[in-house]
Amino acid sequence: MSELAVEGVIMTRHRHSKEMTGSIQPDNLSSMTTGVEDGCVKTVIRSQNIRSVIASVDDYLMNLGIAEEICSYALH
């Protein structure tokens, strides 16, 4: 029996979503994809283990907060 994959999707709206995406993508793990969709930054995190998804979401949100702060200073 194969394990089911766990998936987490995070969509956040930003004034400069393209720049935010470029800022956050380098921190992605191989199990993560980030792009722009409908003016939002959309990141999908997949794993076979829910704990890995939760840990990745936690790290991603911290990185997203830092990227948002940097972009707010650089793009004003």
PDB file of N, CA and C in Angstrom:
ATOM      1  N   MET A   1       0.849  -1.170   0.000  1.00  0.00           N
ATOM      2  CA  MET A   1       0.000   0.000   0.000  1.00  0.00           C
ATOM      3  C   MET A   1       0.902   1.243   0.000  1.00  0.00           C
ATOM      4  N   SER A   2       0.689   2.159  -0.941  1.00  0.00           N
ATOM      5  CA  SER A   2       1.502   3.373  -0.998  1.00  0.00           C
ATOM      6  C   SER A   2       0.923   4.446  -0.080  1.00  0.00           C
ATOM      7  N   GLU A   3       1.835   5.279   0.423  1.00  0.00           N
ATOM      8  CA  GLU A   3       1.413   6.372   1.294  1.00  0.00           C
ATOM      9  C   GLU A   3       0.791   7.490   0.474  1.00  0.00           C
ATOM     10  N   LEU A   4      -0.176   8.150   1.031  1.00  0.00           N
ATOM     11  CA  LEU A   4      -0.771   9.307   0.390  1.00  0.00           C
ATOM     12  C   LEU A   4       0.113  10.520   0.614  1.00  0.00           C
ATOM     13  N   ALA A   5       0.202  11.345  -0.383  1.00  0.00           N
ATOM     14  CA  ALA A   5       0.987  12.572  -0.249  1.00  0.00           C
ATOM     15  C   ALA A   5       0.179  13.609   0.519  1.00  0.00           C
ATOM     16  N   VAL A   6       0.888  14.392   1.298  1.00  0.00           N
ATOM     17  CA  VAL A   6       0.290  15.513   2.022  1.00  0.00           C
ATOM     18  C   VAL A   6       0.697  16.770   1.278  1.00  0.00           C
ATOM     19  N   GLU A   7      -0.253  17.682   1.118  1.00  0.00           N
ATOM     20  CA  GLU A   7       0.020  18.904   0.364  1.00  0.00           C
ATOM     21  C   GLU A   7      -0.489  20.107   1.139  1.00  0.00           C
ATOM     22  N   GLY A   8       0.339  21.133   1.183  1.00  0.00           N
ATOM     23  CA  GLY A   8      -0.060  22.405   1.777  1.00  0.00           C
ATOM     24  C   GLY A   8       0.058  23.491   0.725  1.00  0.00           C
ATOM     25  N   VAL A   9      -0.961  24.344   0.616  1.00  0.00           N
ATOM     26  CA  VAL A   9      -0.955  25.448  -0.342  1.00  0.00           C
ATOM     27  C   VAL A   9      -1.102  26.750   0.426  1.00  0.00           C
ATOM     28  N   ILE A  10      -0.187  27.678   0.165  1.00  0.00           N
ATOM     29  CA  ILE A  10      -0.227  28.993   0.808  1.00  0.00           C
ATOM     30  C   ILE A  10      -0.313  30.035  -0.290  1.00  0.00           C
ATOM     31  N   MET A  11      -1.339  30.875  -0.230  1.00  0.00           N
ATOM     32  CA  MET A  11      -1.481  31.980  -1.172  1.00  0.00           C
ATOM     33  C   MET A  11      -1.547  33.271  -0.377  1.00  0.00           C
ATOM     34  N   THR A  12      -0.663  34.211  -0.712  1.00  0.00           N
ATOM     35  CA  THR A  12      -0.637  35.499  -0.031  1.00  0.00           C
ATOM     36  C   THR A  12      -0.613  36.608  -1.070  1.00  0.00           C
ATOM     37  N   ARG A  13      -1.422  37.631  -0.842  1.00  0.00           N
ATOM     38  CA  ARG A  13      -1.497  38.761  -1.767  1.00  0.00           C
ATOM     39  C   ARG A  13      -0.465  39.807  -1.348  1.00  0.00           C
ATOM     40  N   HIS A  14       0.260  40.287  -2.355  1.00  0.00           N
ATOM     41  CA  HIS A  14       1.292  41.289  -2.125  1.00  0.00           C
ATOM     42  C   HIS A  14       1.202  42.357  -3.213  1.00  0.00           C
ATOM     43  N   ARG A  15       1.569  43.542  -2.871  1.00  0.00           N
ATOM     44  CA  ARG A  15       1.569  44.650  -3.827  1.00  0.00           C
ATOM     45  C   ARG A  15       2.525  44.353  -4.989  1.00  0.00           C
ATOM     46  N   HIS A  16       3.655  43.736  -4.681  1.00  0.00           N
ATOM     47  CA  HIS A  16       4.671  43.395  -5.676  1.00  0.00           C
ATOM     48  C   HIS A  16       4.867  41.874  -5.662  1.00  0.00           C
ATOM     49  N   SER A  17       3.857  41.137  -6.085  1.00  0.00           N
ATOM     50  CA  SER A  17       3.896  39.673  -5.971  1.00  0.00           C
ATOM     51  C   SER A  17       5.020  39.045  -6.803  1.00  0.00           C
ATOM     52  N   LYS A  18       5.333  39.606  -7.964  1.00  0.00           N
ATOM     53  CA  LYS A  18       6.407  39.057  -8.795  1.00  0.00           C
ATOM     54  C   LYS A  18       7.752  39.172  -8.074  1.00  0.00           C
ATOM     55  N   GLU A  19       8.013  40.323  -7.483  1.00  0.00           N
ATOM     56  CA  GLU A  19       9.269  40.525  -6.757  1.00  0.00           C
ATOM     57  C   GLU A  19       9.327  39.651  -5.504  1.00  0.00           C
ATOM     58  N   MET A  20       8.196  39.519  -4.829  1.00  0.00           N
ATOM     59  CA  MET A  20       8.141  38.651  -3.647  1.00  0.00           C
ATOM     60  C   MET A  20       8.447  37.209  -4.031  1.00  0.00           C
ATOM     61  N   THR A  21       7.879  36.767  -5.142  1.00  0.00           N
ATOM     62  CA  THR A  21       8.122  35.402  -5.603  1.00  0.00           C
ATOM     63  C   THR A  21       9.608  35.194  -5.878  1.00  0.00           C
ATOM     64  N   GLY A  22      10.229  36.141  -6.574  1.00  0.00           N
ATOM     65  CA  GLY A  22      11.657  36.041  -6.854  1.00  0.00           C
ATOM     66  C   GLY A  22      12.501  36.046  -5.600  1.00  0.00           C
ATOM     67  N   SER A  23      12.024  36.742  -4.579  1.00  0.00           N
ATOM     68  CA  SER A  23      12.756  36.837  -3.324  1.00  0.00           C
ATOM     69  C   SER A  23      12.648  35.552  -2.499  1.00  0.00           C
ATOM     70  N   ILE A  24      11.500  34.908  -2.549  1.00  0.00           N
ATOM     71  CA  ILE A  24      11.256  33.752  -1.688  1.00  0.00           C
ATOM     72  C   ILE A  24      11.670  32.425  -2.333  1.00  0.00           C
ATOM     73  N   GLN A  25      11.665  32.344  -3.664  1.00  0.00           N
ATOM     74  CA  GLN A  25      11.971  31.081  -4.352  1.00  0.00           C
ATOM     75  C   GLN A  25      13.326  30.472  -4.011  1.00  0.00           C
ATOM     76  N   PRO A  26      14.395  31.244  -3.864  1.00  0.00           N
ATOM     77  CA  PRO A  26      15.693  30.612  -3.577  1.00  0.00           C
ATOM     78  C   PRO A  26      15.716  29.789  -2.282  1.00  0.00           C
ATOM     79  N   ASP A  27      14.794  30.048  -1.373  1.00  0.00           N
ATOM     80  CA  ASP A  27      14.747  29.305  -0.116  1.00  0.00           C
ATOM     81  C   ASP A  27      13.919  28.022  -0.213  1.00  0.00           C
ATOM     82  N   ASN A  28      13.279  27.796  -1.368  1.00  0.00           N
ATOM     83  CA  ASN A  28      12.440  26.603  -1.526  1.00  0.00           C
ATOM     84  C   ASN A  28      13.243  25.314  -1.434  1.00  0.00           C
ATOM     85  N   LEU A  29      12.648  24.328  -0.799  1.00  0.00           N
ATOM     86  CA  LEU A  29      13.186  22.979  -0.814  1.00  0.00           C
ATOM     87  C   LEU A  29      12.726  22.303  -2.109  1.00  0.00           C
ATOM     88  N   SER A  30      13.243  21.127  -2.404  1.00  0.00           N
ATOM     89  CA  SER A  30      12.853  20.432  -3.634  1.00  0.00           C
ATOM     90  C   SER A  30      11.373  20.038  -3.636  1.00  0.00           C
ATOM     91  N   SER A  31      10.769  19.973  -2.477  1.00  0.00           N
ATOM     92  CA  SER A  31       9.355  19.604  -2.363  1.00  0.00           C
ATOM     93  C   SER A  31       8.415  20.808  -2.479  1.00  0.00           C
ATOM     94  N   MET A  32       8.966  21.980  -2.800  1.00  0.00           N
ATOM     95  CA  MET A  32       8.178  23.211  -2.841  1.00  0.00           C
ATOM     96  C   MET A  32       8.221  23.840  -4.229  1.00  0.00           C
ATOM     97  N   THR A  33       7.093  24.416  -4.631  1.00  0.00           N
ATOM     98  CA  THR A  33       7.044  25.227  -5.854  1.00  0.00           C
ATOM     99  C   THR A  33       6.389  26.557  -5.504  1.00  0.00           C
ATOM    100  N   THR A  34       6.929  27.636  -6.063  1.00  0.00           N
ATOM    101  CA  THR A  34       6.403  28.969  -5.802  1.00  0.00           C
ATOM    102  C   THR A  34       6.230  29.692  -7.125  1.00  0.00           C
ATOM    103  N   GLY A  35       5.103  30.374  -7.263  1.00  0.00           N
ATOM    104  CA  GLY A  35       4.840  31.158  -8.461  1.00  0.00           C
ATOM    105  C   GLY A  35       3.825  32.245  -8.169  1.00  0.00           C
ATOM    106  N   VAL A  36       3.485  32.996  -9.198  1.00  0.00           N
ATOM    107  CA  VAL A  36       2.489  34.055  -9.079  1.00  0.00           C
ATOM    108  C   VAL A  36       1.188  33.545  -9.695  1.00  0.00           C
ATOM    109  N   GLU A  37       0.095  33.724  -8.983  1.00  0.00           N
ATOM    110  CA  GLU A  37      -1.218  33.330  -9.484  1.00  0.00           C
ATOM    111  C   GLU A  37      -2.248  34.349  -9.020  1.00  0.00           C
ATOM    112  N   ASP A  38      -2.937  34.975  -9.962  1.00  0.00           N
ATOM    113  CA  ASP A  38      -3.986  35.960  -9.658  1.00  0.00           C
ATOM    114  C   ASP A  38      -3.489  37.063  -8.723  1.00  0.00           C
ATOM    115  N   GLY A  39      -2.271  37.545  -8.950  1.00  0.00           N
ATOM    116  CA  GLY A  39      -1.720  38.618  -8.134  1.00  0.00           C
ATOM    117  C   GLY A  39      -1.250  38.186  -6.763  1.00  0.00           C
ATOM    118  N   CYS A  40      -1.194  36.888  -6.546  1.00  0.00           N
ATOM    119  CA  CYS A  40      -0.761  36.347  -5.254  1.00  0.00           C
ATOM    120  C   CYS A  40       0.509  35.527  -5.432  1.00  0.00           C
ATOM    121  N   VAL A  41       1.261  35.408  -4.352  1.00  0.00           N
ATOM    122  CA  VAL A  41       2.350  34.447  -4.306  1.00  0.00           C
ATOM    123  C   VAL A  41       1.726  33.129  -3.860  1.00  0.00           C
ATOM    124  N   LYS A  42       1.896  32.099  -4.677  1.00  0.00           N
ATOM    125  CA  LYS A  42       1.336  30.778  -4.357  1.00  0.00           C
ATOM    126  C   LYS A  42       2.471  29.787  -4.198  1.00  0.00           C
ATOM    127  N   THR A  43       2.523  29.146  -3.047  1.00  0.00           N
ATOM    128  CA  THR A  43       3.526  28.118  -2.780  1.00  0.00           C
ATOM    129  C   THR A  43       2.823  26.823  -2.421  1.00  0.00           C
ATOM    130  N   VAL A  44       3.265  25.748  -3.053  1.00  0.00           N
ATOM    131  CA  VAL A  44       2.735  24.411  -2.788  1.00  0.00           C
ATOM    132  C   VAL A  44       3.860  23.588  -2.181  1.00  0.00           C
ATOM    133  N   ILE A  45       3.552  22.928  -1.077  1.00  0.00           N
ATOM    134  CA  ILE A  45       4.515  22.090  -0.367  1.00  0.00           C
ATOM    135  C   ILE A  45       3.949  20.680  -0.315  1.00  0.00           C
ATOM    136  N   ARG A  46       4.733  19.714  -0.795  1.00  0.00           N
ATOM    137  CA  ARG A  46       4.276  18.322  -0.834  1.00  0.00           C
ATOM    138  C   ARG A  46       5.270  17.429  -0.097  1.00  0.00           C
ATOM    139  N   SER A  47       4.739  16.432   0.579  1.00  0.00           N
ATOM    140  CA  SER A  47       5.583  15.460   1.267  1.00  0.00           C
ATOM    141  C   SER A  47       4.756  14.220   1.551  1.00  0.00           C
ATOM    142  N   GLN A  48       5.427  13.154   1.904  1.00  0.00           N
ATOM    143  CA  GLN A  48       4.750  11.935   2.350  1.00  0.00           C
ATOM    144  C   GLN A  48       4.447  12.000   3.848  1.00  0.00           C
ATOM    145  N   ASN A  49       4.977  13.025   4.510  1.00  0.00           N
ATOM    146  CA  ASN A  49       4.904  13.109   5.961  1.00  0.00           C
ATOM    147  C   ASN A  49       4.309  14.459   6.374  1.00  0.00           C
ATOM    148  N   ILE A  50       3.252  14.443   7.148  1.00  0.00           N
ATOM    149  CA  ILE A  50       2.600  15.686   7.568  1.00  0.00           C
ATOM    150  C   ILE A  50       3.531  16.557   8.409  1.00  0.00           C
ATOM    151  N   ARG A  51       4.393  15.939   9.207  1.00  0.00           N
ATOM    152  CA  ARG A  51       5.327  16.726  10.023  1.00  0.00           C
ATOM    153  C   ARG A  51       6.285  17.526   9.143  1.00  0.00           C
ATOM    154  N   SER A  52       6.698  16.956   8.025  1.00  0.00           N
ATOM    155  CA  SER A  52       7.578  17.670   7.098  1.00  0.00           C
ATOM    156  C   SER A  52       6.863  18.865   6.474  1.00  0.00           C
ATOM    157  N   VAL A  53       5.597  18.683   6.117  1.00  0.00           N
ATOM    158  CA  VAL A  53       4.827  19.789   5.554  1.00  0.00           C
ATOM    159  C   VAL A  53       4.663  20.896   6.588  1.00  0.00           C
ATOM    160  N   ILE A  54       4.339  20.537   7.806  1.00  0.00           N
ATOM    161  CA  ILE A  54       4.157  21.530   8.869  1.00  0.00           C
ATOM    162  C   ILE A  54       5.462  22.292   9.123  1.00  0.00           C
ATOM    163  N   ALA A  55       6.579  21.588   9.196  1.00  0.00           N
ATOM    164  CA  ALA A  55       7.873  22.240   9.421  1.00  0.00           C
ATOM    165  C   ALA A  55       8.226  23.151   8.250  1.00  0.00           C
ATOM    166  N   SER A  56       7.949  22.692   7.032  1.00  0.00           N
ATOM    167  CA  SER A  56       8.237  23.507   5.846  1.00  0.00           C
ATOM    168  C   SER A  56       7.357  24.748   5.799  1.00  0.00           C
ATOM    169  N   VAL A  57       6.087  24.613   6.161  1.00  0.00           N
ATOM    170  CA  VAL A  57       5.183  25.774   6.204  1.00  0.00           C
ATOM    171  C   VAL A  57       5.680  26.777   7.232  1.00  0.00           C
ATOM    172  N   ASP A  58       6.087  26.306   8.386  1.00  0.00           N
ATOM    173  CA  ASP A  58       6.601  27.181   9.432  1.00  0.00           C
ATOM    174  C   ASP A  58       7.826  27.960   8.940  1.00  0.00           C
ATOM    175  N   ASP A  59       8.783  27.264   8.350  1.00  0.00           N
ATOM    176  CA  ASP A  59       9.980  27.920   7.810  1.00  0.00           C
ATOM    177  C   ASP A  59       9.620  28.893   6.698  1.00  0.00           C
ATOM    178  N   TYR A  60       8.725  28.474   5.816  1.00  0.00           N
ATOM    179  CA  TYR A  60       8.317  29.312   4.694  1.00  0.00           C
ATOM    180  C   TYR A  60       7.688  30.618   5.181  1.00  0.00           C
ATOM    181  N   LEU A  61       6.818  30.534   6.160  1.00  0.00           N
ATOM    182  CA  LEU A  61       6.155  31.742   6.669  1.00  0.00           C
ATOM    183  C   LEU A  61       7.159  32.711   7.284  1.00  0.00           C
ATOM    184  N   MET A  62       8.176  32.201   7.954  1.00  0.00           N
ATOM    185  CA  MET A  62       9.223  33.060   8.497  1.00  0.00           C
ATOM    186  C   MET A  62       9.985  33.736   7.355  1.00  0.00           C
ATOM    187  N   ASN A  63      10.359  32.966   6.344  1.00  0.00           N
ATOM    188  CA  ASN A  63      11.066  33.523   5.183  1.00  0.00           C
ATOM    189  C   ASN A  63      10.196  34.526   4.432  1.00  0.00           C
ATOM    190  N   LEU A  64       8.914  34.244   4.327  1.00  0.00           N
ATOM    191  CA  LEU A  64       7.990  35.146   3.645  1.00  0.00           C
ATOM    192  C   LEU A  64       7.911  36.484   4.376  1.00  0.00           C
ATOM    193  N   GLY A  65       7.860  36.445   5.689  1.00  0.00           N
ATOM    194  CA  GLY A  65       7.821  37.679   6.476  1.00  0.00           C
ATOM    195  C   GLY A  65       9.064  38.521   6.277  1.00  0.00           C
ATOM    196  N   ILE A  66      10.208  37.874   6.243  1.00  0.00           N
ATOM    197  CA  ILE A  66      11.464  38.594   6.015  1.00  0.00           C
ATOM    198  C   ILE A  66      11.487  39.175   4.606  1.00  0.00           C
ATOM    199  N   ALA A  67      11.104  38.391   3.611  1.00  0.00           N
ATOM    200  CA  ALA A  67      11.086  38.873   2.227  1.00  0.00           C
ATOM    201  C   ALA A  67      10.122  40.047   2.060  1.00  0.00           C
ATOM    202  N   GLU A  68       8.977  39.977   2.725  1.00  0.00           N
ATOM    203  CA  GLU A  68       7.999  41.063   2.641  1.00  0.00           C
ATOM    204  C   GLU A  68       8.569  42.350   3.231  1.00  0.00           C
ATOM    205  N   GLU A  69       9.256  42.225   4.345  1.00  0.00           N
ATOM    206  CA  GLU A  69       9.859  43.407   4.969  1.00  0.00           C
ATOM    207  C   GLU A  69      10.934  44.021   4.067  1.00  0.00           C
ATOM    208  N   ILE A  70      11.785  43.171   3.502  1.00  0.00           N
ATOM    209  CA  ILE A  70      12.838  43.666   2.619  1.00  0.00           C
ATOM    210  C   ILE A  70      12.233  44.318   1.378  1.00  0.00           C
ATOM    211  N   CYS A  71      11.253  43.691   0.770  1.00  0.00           N
ATOM    212  CA  CYS A  71      10.611  44.243  -0.426  1.00  0.00           C
ATOM    213  C   CYS A  71       9.908  45.571  -0.122  1.00  0.00           C
ATOM    214  N   SER A  72       9.339  45.694   1.067  1.00  0.00           N
ATOM    215  CA  SER A  72       8.639  46.933   1.408  1.00  0.00           C
ATOM    216  C   SER A  72       9.615  48.108   1.485  1.00  0.00           C
ATOM    217  N   TYR A  73      10.842  47.853   1.922  1.00  0.00           N
ATOM    218  CA  TYR A  73      11.857  48.904   1.953  1.00  0.00           C
ATOM    219  C   TYR A  73      12.434  49.171   0.573  1.00  0.00           C
ATOM    220  N   ALA A  74      12.711  48.114  -0.173  1.00  0.00           N
ATOM    221  CA  ALA A  74      13.398  48.244  -1.460  1.00  0.00           C
ATOM    222  C   ALA A  74      12.481  48.766  -2.572  1.00  0.00           C
ATOM    223  N   LEU A  75      11.194  48.540  -2.488  1.00  0.00           N
ATOM    224  CA  LEU A  75      10.294  48.867  -3.590  1.00  0.00           C
ATOM    225  C   LEU A  75       9.447  50.105  -3.334  1.00  0.00           C
ATOM    226  N   HIS A  76       9.788  50.888  -2.337  1.00  0.00           N
ATOM    227  CA  HIS A  76       9.023  52.120  -2.082  1.00  0.00           C
ATOM    228  C   HIS A  76       9.662  53.277  -2.716  1.00  0.00           C
TER     229      HIS A  76
END
